[in-house]
Amino acid sequence: MSLLAELKCITDALNIPAQTSIFDAPAPDKYIVFTPIVDDYHLFADNKPNVDVEEVRISYFDKGNYLAGKKAIENAVIAAEITITDRRYLGHEDDTGYHHYAIDVAKNYQIEEE
């Protein structure tokens, strides 16, 4: 499974609509956009990668009080054993009315030989 797939399962369980890269549907009062940040091989043995590191930014948009949604996302990510590498409030978008909060996450995946 990939990090994007795991995050999609989490947001589905939280009933928060989510898409990757852009949200092209009519935007509800709260939604998530996943932005892949890094796919990297960190550990090698015998000139072959052993670990694939995936990093994704979770951009959470909410027209109301974003704190409850932010906390629910963080708790679900931690429960899924995904590492939170950064969290930050990016501001209120006056033109759309959304609060924008970003949560950067990462997970290591063991590469299995075929």
N, C-alpha and C. Protein backbone atom coordinates (compact mmCIF):
# COMPACT_ATOMS: atom_id res chain seq x y z
N MET A 1 0.85 -1.18 0.00
CA MET A 1 0.00 0.00 0.00
C MET A 1 0.89 1.24 0.00
N SER A 2 0.41 2.31 -0.58
CA SER A 2 1.17 3.56 -0.61
C SER A 2 0.66 4.50 0.48
N LEU A 3 1.45 5.54 0.75
CA LEU A 3 1.04 6.53 1.75
C LEU A 3 -0.24 7.23 1.31
N LEU A 4 -0.34 7.57 0.03
CA LEU A 4 -1.57 8.21 -0.46
C LEU A 4 -2.79 7.32 -0.23
N ALA A 5 -2.65 6.03 -0.48
CA ALA A 5 -3.76 5.10 -0.27
C ALA A 5 -4.13 5.02 1.21
N GLU A 6 -3.14 4.98 2.08
CA GLU A 6 -3.42 4.94 3.52
C GLU A 6 -4.13 6.21 3.97
N LEU A 7 -3.67 7.36 3.48
CA LEU A 7 -4.29 8.63 3.87
C LEU A 7 -5.72 8.73 3.35
N LYS A 8 -5.97 8.20 2.18
CA LYS A 8 -7.33 8.21 1.63
C LYS A 8 -8.26 7.37 2.50
N CYS A 9 -7.78 6.24 2.98
CA CYS A 9 -8.58 5.41 3.90
C CYS A 9 -8.89 6.17 5.18
N ILE A 10 -7.91 6.90 5.69
CA ILE A 10 -8.09 7.69 6.92
C ILE A 10 -9.15 8.76 6.71
N THR A 11 -9.03 9.52 5.62
CA THR A 11 -9.99 10.60 5.40
C THR A 11 -11.39 10.06 5.09
N ASP A 12 -11.47 8.91 4.43
CA ASP A 12 -12.78 8.29 4.21
C ASP A 12 -13.43 7.94 5.54
N ALA A 13 -12.64 7.38 6.46
CA ALA A 13 -13.16 7.02 7.79
C ALA A 13 -13.60 8.26 8.58
N LEU A 14 -12.95 9.40 8.33
CA LEU A 14 -13.30 10.65 9.01
C LEU A 14 -14.42 11.41 8.29
N ASN A 15 -14.86 10.87 7.16
CA ASN A 15 -15.90 11.52 6.33
C ASN A 15 -15.50 12.92 5.87
N ILE A 16 -14.22 13.06 5.51
CA ILE A 16 -13.72 14.32 4.95
C ILE A 16 -13.35 14.05 3.49
N PRO A 17 -14.00 14.71 2.55
CA PRO A 17 -13.66 14.50 1.14
C PRO A 17 -12.20 14.85 0.88
N ALA A 18 -11.52 14.04 0.06
CA ALA A 18 -10.11 14.28 -0.22
C ALA A 18 -9.79 13.89 -1.65
N GLN A 19 -8.87 14.64 -2.24
CA GLN A 19 -8.35 14.33 -3.56
C GLN A 19 -6.86 14.63 -3.58
N THR A 20 -6.17 14.11 -4.60
CA THR A 20 -4.74 14.32 -4.73
C THR A 20 -4.46 15.45 -5.71
N SER A 21 -3.57 16.34 -5.30
CA SER A 21 -3.05 17.47 -6.08
C SER A 21 -4.02 18.64 -6.20
N ILE A 22 -5.26 18.41 -6.63
CA ILE A 22 -6.26 19.48 -6.69
C ILE A 22 -7.60 18.91 -6.26
N PHE A 23 -8.47 19.79 -5.79
CA PHE A 23 -9.84 19.38 -5.47
C PHE A 23 -10.71 19.94 -6.58
N ASP A 24 -11.07 19.09 -7.53
CA ASP A 24 -11.76 19.58 -8.73
C ASP A 24 -13.28 19.48 -8.65
N ALA A 25 -13.80 18.92 -7.59
CA ALA A 25 -15.25 18.88 -7.39
C ALA A 25 -15.69 20.18 -6.71
N PRO A 26 -16.98 20.48 -6.73
CA PRO A 26 -17.42 21.65 -5.95
C PRO A 26 -17.01 21.46 -4.48
N ALA A 27 -16.34 22.44 -3.94
CA ALA A 27 -15.75 22.30 -2.60
C ALA A 27 -16.82 22.38 -1.51
N PRO A 28 -16.83 21.38 -0.62
CA PRO A 28 -17.72 21.43 0.55
C PRO A 28 -17.12 22.36 1.61
N ASP A 29 -17.75 22.44 2.77
CA ASP A 29 -17.27 23.33 3.83
C ASP A 29 -15.92 22.90 4.40
N LYS A 30 -15.60 21.61 4.28
CA LYS A 30 -14.28 21.15 4.68
C LYS A 30 -13.85 20.04 3.73
N TYR A 31 -12.57 20.06 3.39
CA TYR A 31 -12.03 19.06 2.48
C TYR A 31 -10.51 19.03 2.60
N ILE A 32 -9.91 18.01 1.97
CA ILE A 32 -8.46 17.81 2.03
C ILE A 32 -7.90 17.66 0.63
N VAL A 33 -6.70 18.21 0.45
CA VAL A 33 -5.93 17.99 -0.77
C VAL A 33 -4.60 17.37 -0.36
N PHE A 34 -4.27 16.21 -0.95
CA PHE A 34 -2.98 15.56 -0.71
C PHE A 34 -2.00 16.02 -1.78
N THR A 35 -0.82 16.45 -1.36
CA THR A 35 0.23 16.82 -2.30
C THR A 35 1.46 15.96 -2.02
N PRO A 36 1.82 15.07 -2.94
CA PRO A 36 3.05 14.29 -2.73
C PRO A 36 4.25 15.23 -2.68
N ILE A 37 5.13 15.01 -1.69
CA ILE A 37 6.31 15.86 -1.53
C ILE A 37 7.56 15.13 -1.97
N VAL A 38 7.76 13.92 -1.44
CA VAL A 38 9.00 13.19 -1.71
C VAL A 38 8.71 11.70 -1.81
N ASP A 39 9.36 11.06 -2.76
CA ASP A 39 9.49 9.60 -2.82
C ASP A 39 10.98 9.36 -2.92
N ASP A 40 11.56 8.70 -1.93
CA ASP A 40 13.01 8.58 -1.90
C ASP A 40 13.42 7.22 -1.38
N TYR A 41 14.57 6.76 -1.82
CA TYR A 41 15.18 5.55 -1.28
C TYR A 41 16.27 5.98 -0.32
N HIS A 42 16.12 5.62 0.96
CA HIS A 42 17.09 6.04 1.96
C HIS A 42 18.11 4.97 2.31
N LEU A 43 17.71 3.73 2.31
CA LEU A 43 18.61 2.66 2.72
C LEU A 43 18.88 1.72 1.55
N PHE A 44 20.16 1.38 1.38
CA PHE A 44 20.57 0.51 0.28
C PHE A 44 21.38 -0.66 0.82
N ALA A 45 21.32 -1.77 0.09
CA ALA A 45 22.18 -2.92 0.36
C ALA A 45 22.40 -3.62 -0.97
N ASP A 46 23.64 -3.95 -1.25
CA ASP A 46 23.97 -4.61 -2.52
C ASP A 46 23.46 -3.81 -3.72
N ASN A 47 23.59 -2.48 -3.63
CA ASN A 47 23.19 -1.57 -4.71
C ASN A 47 21.70 -1.60 -5.03
N LYS A 48 20.91 -2.08 -4.09
CA LYS A 48 19.46 -2.11 -4.27
C LYS A 48 18.80 -1.36 -3.12
N PRO A 49 17.76 -0.59 -3.41
CA PRO A 49 17.07 0.10 -2.31
C PRO A 49 16.30 -0.89 -1.44
N ASN A 50 16.34 -0.65 -0.14
CA ASN A 50 15.62 -1.49 0.82
C ASN A 50 14.38 -0.81 1.40
N VAL A 51 14.43 0.53 1.45
CA VAL A 51 13.33 1.29 2.07
C VAL A 51 12.92 2.43 1.15
N ASP A 52 11.63 2.52 0.91
CA ASP A 52 11.06 3.63 0.14
C ASP A 52 10.40 4.58 1.14
N VAL A 53 10.83 5.83 1.14
CA VAL A 53 10.26 6.83 2.03
C VAL A 53 9.31 7.71 1.22
N GLU A 54 8.07 7.79 1.67
CA GLU A 54 7.07 8.62 1.01
C GLU A 54 6.66 9.74 1.96
N GLU A 55 6.58 10.96 1.42
CA GLU A 55 6.13 12.11 2.19
C GLU A 55 5.00 12.81 1.44
N VAL A 56 3.99 13.24 2.19
CA VAL A 56 2.81 13.87 1.61
C VAL A 56 2.40 15.04 2.49
N ARG A 57 1.97 16.13 1.87
CA ARG A 57 1.37 17.24 2.62
C ARG A 57 -0.14 17.07 2.58
N ILE A 58 -0.75 17.11 3.76
CA ILE A 58 -2.20 17.09 3.90
C ILE A 58 -2.62 18.54 4.08
N SER A 59 -3.27 19.11 3.07
CA SER A 59 -3.79 20.48 3.18
C SER A 59 -5.26 20.37 3.56
N TYR A 60 -5.56 20.83 4.76
CA TYR A 60 -6.92 20.75 5.29
C TYR A 60 -7.56 22.12 5.18
N PHE A 61 -8.71 22.18 4.52
CA PHE A 61 -9.44 23.43 4.34
C PHE A 61 -10.77 23.33 5.07
N ASP A 62 -11.09 24.35 5.87
CA ASP A 62 -12.33 24.32 6.66
C ASP A 62 -12.87 25.74 6.77
N LYS A 63 -14.16 25.89 6.47
CA LYS A 63 -14.79 27.22 6.57
C LYS A 63 -15.21 27.54 8.01
N GLY A 64 -15.24 26.54 8.86
CA GLY A 64 -15.64 26.76 10.25
C GLY A 64 -14.43 26.72 11.17
N ASN A 65 -14.66 26.18 12.37
CA ASN A 65 -13.57 26.01 13.32
C ASN A 65 -12.74 24.81 12.90
N TYR A 66 -11.54 25.05 12.42
CA TYR A 66 -10.70 23.99 11.87
C TYR A 66 -10.04 23.11 12.94
N LEU A 67 -10.05 23.53 14.20
CA LEU A 67 -9.29 22.84 15.24
C LEU A 67 -9.75 21.41 15.49
N ALA A 68 -11.05 21.16 15.49
CA ALA A 68 -11.55 19.80 15.74
C ALA A 68 -11.16 18.87 14.59
N GLY A 69 -11.30 19.32 13.37
CA GLY A 69 -10.91 18.52 12.22
C GLY A 69 -9.43 18.25 12.18
N LYS A 70 -8.63 19.27 12.47
CA LYS A 70 -7.17 19.12 12.51
C LYS A 70 -6.78 18.07 13.53
N LYS A 71 -7.37 18.12 14.71
CA LYS A 71 -7.06 17.16 15.77
C LYS A 71 -7.47 15.75 15.36
N ALA A 72 -8.63 15.61 14.75
CA ALA A 72 -9.09 14.28 14.32
C ALA A 72 -8.15 13.69 13.27
N ILE A 73 -7.69 14.51 12.34
CA ILE A 73 -6.74 14.04 11.32
C ILE A 73 -5.44 13.62 11.98
N GLU A 74 -4.91 14.45 12.85
CA GLU A 74 -3.64 14.13 13.53
C GLU A 74 -3.76 12.83 14.32
N ASN A 75 -4.83 12.66 15.07
CA ASN A 75 -5.01 11.44 15.87
C ASN A 75 -5.09 10.21 14.99
N ALA A 76 -5.81 10.31 13.86
CA ALA A 76 -5.94 9.17 12.96
C ALA A 76 -4.62 8.83 12.28
N VAL A 77 -3.85 9.85 11.92
CA VAL A 77 -2.55 9.63 11.29
C VAL A 77 -1.59 8.95 12.28
N ILE A 78 -1.57 9.43 13.49
CA ILE A 78 -0.70 8.83 14.52
C ILE A 78 -1.13 7.39 14.81
N ALA A 79 -2.43 7.15 14.89
CA ALA A 79 -2.94 5.79 15.15
C ALA A 79 -2.55 4.84 14.02
N ALA A 80 -2.40 5.36 12.80
CA ALA A 80 -2.01 4.52 11.66
C ALA A 80 -0.48 4.37 11.56
N GLU A 81 0.23 4.85 12.57
CA GLU A 81 1.69 4.76 12.64
C GLU A 81 2.37 5.47 11.47
N ILE A 82 1.82 6.63 11.13
CA ILE A 82 2.40 7.52 10.13
C ILE A 82 3.01 8.68 10.88
N THR A 83 4.22 9.08 10.51
CA THR A 83 4.94 10.13 11.21
C THR A 83 4.50 11.51 10.73
N ILE A 84 4.19 12.39 11.67
CA ILE A 84 3.92 13.80 11.35
C ILE A 84 5.25 14.54 11.43
N THR A 85 5.66 15.15 10.31
CA THR A 85 6.95 15.83 10.26
C THR A 85 6.82 17.34 10.42
N ASP A 86 5.63 17.89 10.17
CA ASP A 86 5.43 19.34 10.30
C ASP A 86 3.94 19.62 10.35
N ARG A 87 3.58 20.66 11.08
CA ARG A 87 2.19 21.14 11.15
C ARG A 87 2.24 22.65 11.16
N ARG A 88 1.36 23.28 10.38
CA ARG A 88 1.34 24.73 10.41
C ARG A 88 0.03 25.30 9.87
N TYR A 89 -0.39 26.37 10.50
CA TYR A 89 -1.55 27.11 10.03
C TYR A 89 -1.06 28.06 8.95
N LEU A 90 -1.61 27.93 7.76
CA LEU A 90 -1.17 28.76 6.64
C LEU A 90 -2.01 30.02 6.47
N GLY A 91 -3.10 30.10 7.20
CA GLY A 91 -3.87 31.33 7.20
C GLY A 91 -5.30 31.15 6.73
N HIS A 92 -6.02 32.25 6.82
CA HIS A 92 -7.41 32.30 6.36
C HIS A 92 -7.41 32.88 4.95
N GLU A 93 -8.06 32.18 4.04
CA GLU A 93 -8.14 32.64 2.66
C GLU A 93 -9.41 33.50 2.53
N ASP A 94 -9.21 34.79 2.55
CA ASP A 94 -10.36 35.71 2.57
C ASP A 94 -11.24 35.58 1.33
N ASP A 95 -10.64 35.26 0.20
CA ASP A 95 -11.44 35.17 -1.03
C ASP A 95 -12.34 33.94 -1.06
N THR A 96 -11.97 32.87 -0.35
CA THR A 96 -12.79 31.65 -0.33
C THR A 96 -13.47 31.40 1.01
N GLY A 97 -12.95 31.99 2.08
CA GLY A 97 -13.52 31.79 3.41
C GLY A 97 -12.98 30.58 4.14
N TYR A 98 -11.96 29.92 3.60
CA TYR A 98 -11.41 28.72 4.21
C TYR A 98 -10.20 29.04 5.08
N HIS A 99 -10.13 28.33 6.24
CA HIS A 99 -8.88 28.25 6.99
C HIS A 99 -8.06 27.16 6.31
N HIS A 100 -6.76 27.38 6.18
CA HIS A 100 -5.88 26.40 5.53
C HIS A 100 -4.84 25.95 6.54
N TYR A 101 -4.85 24.66 6.83
CA TYR A 101 -3.91 24.07 7.78
C TYR A 101 -3.17 22.94 7.06
N ALA A 102 -1.86 22.89 7.19
CA ALA A 102 -1.04 21.87 6.52
C ALA A 102 -0.42 20.94 7.54
N ILE A 103 -0.50 19.65 7.24
CA ILE A 103 0.13 18.61 8.05
C ILE A 103 0.99 17.78 7.11
N ASP A 104 2.31 17.82 7.31
CA ASP A 104 3.22 17.02 6.49
C ASP A 104 3.46 15.69 7.19
N VAL A 105 3.38 14.60 6.43
CA VAL A 105 3.52 13.27 6.99
C VAL A 105 4.50 12.44 6.17
N ALA A 106 5.06 11.42 6.79
CA ALA A 106 6.01 10.53 6.10
C ALA A 106 5.86 9.12 6.64
N LYS A 107 6.19 8.16 5.76
CA LYS A 107 6.19 6.76 6.19
C LYS A 107 7.21 6.00 5.38
N ASN A 108 7.90 5.08 6.05
CA ASN A 108 8.87 4.20 5.39
C ASN A 108 8.18 2.90 5.01
N TYR A 109 8.44 2.45 3.78
CA TYR A 109 7.91 1.18 3.31
C TYR A 109 9.07 0.27 2.93
N GLN A 110 9.08 -0.92 3.50
CA GLN A 110 10.10 -1.91 3.17
C GLN A 110 9.88 -2.39 1.75
N ILE A 111 10.93 -2.41 0.95
CA ILE A 111 10.83 -2.89 -0.43
C ILE A 111 11.06 -4.39 -0.41
N GLU A 112 10.11 -5.10 -0.95
CA GLU A 112 10.18 -6.56 -0.98
C GLU A 112 10.70 -7.03 -2.32
N GLU A 113 11.57 -8.00 -2.29
CA GLU A 113 12.08 -8.55 -3.54
C GLU A 113 11.02 -9.40 -4.20
N GLU A 114 10.98 -9.33 -5.52
CA GLU A 114 9.98 -10.10 -6.26
C GLU A 114 10.45 -11.48 -6.56
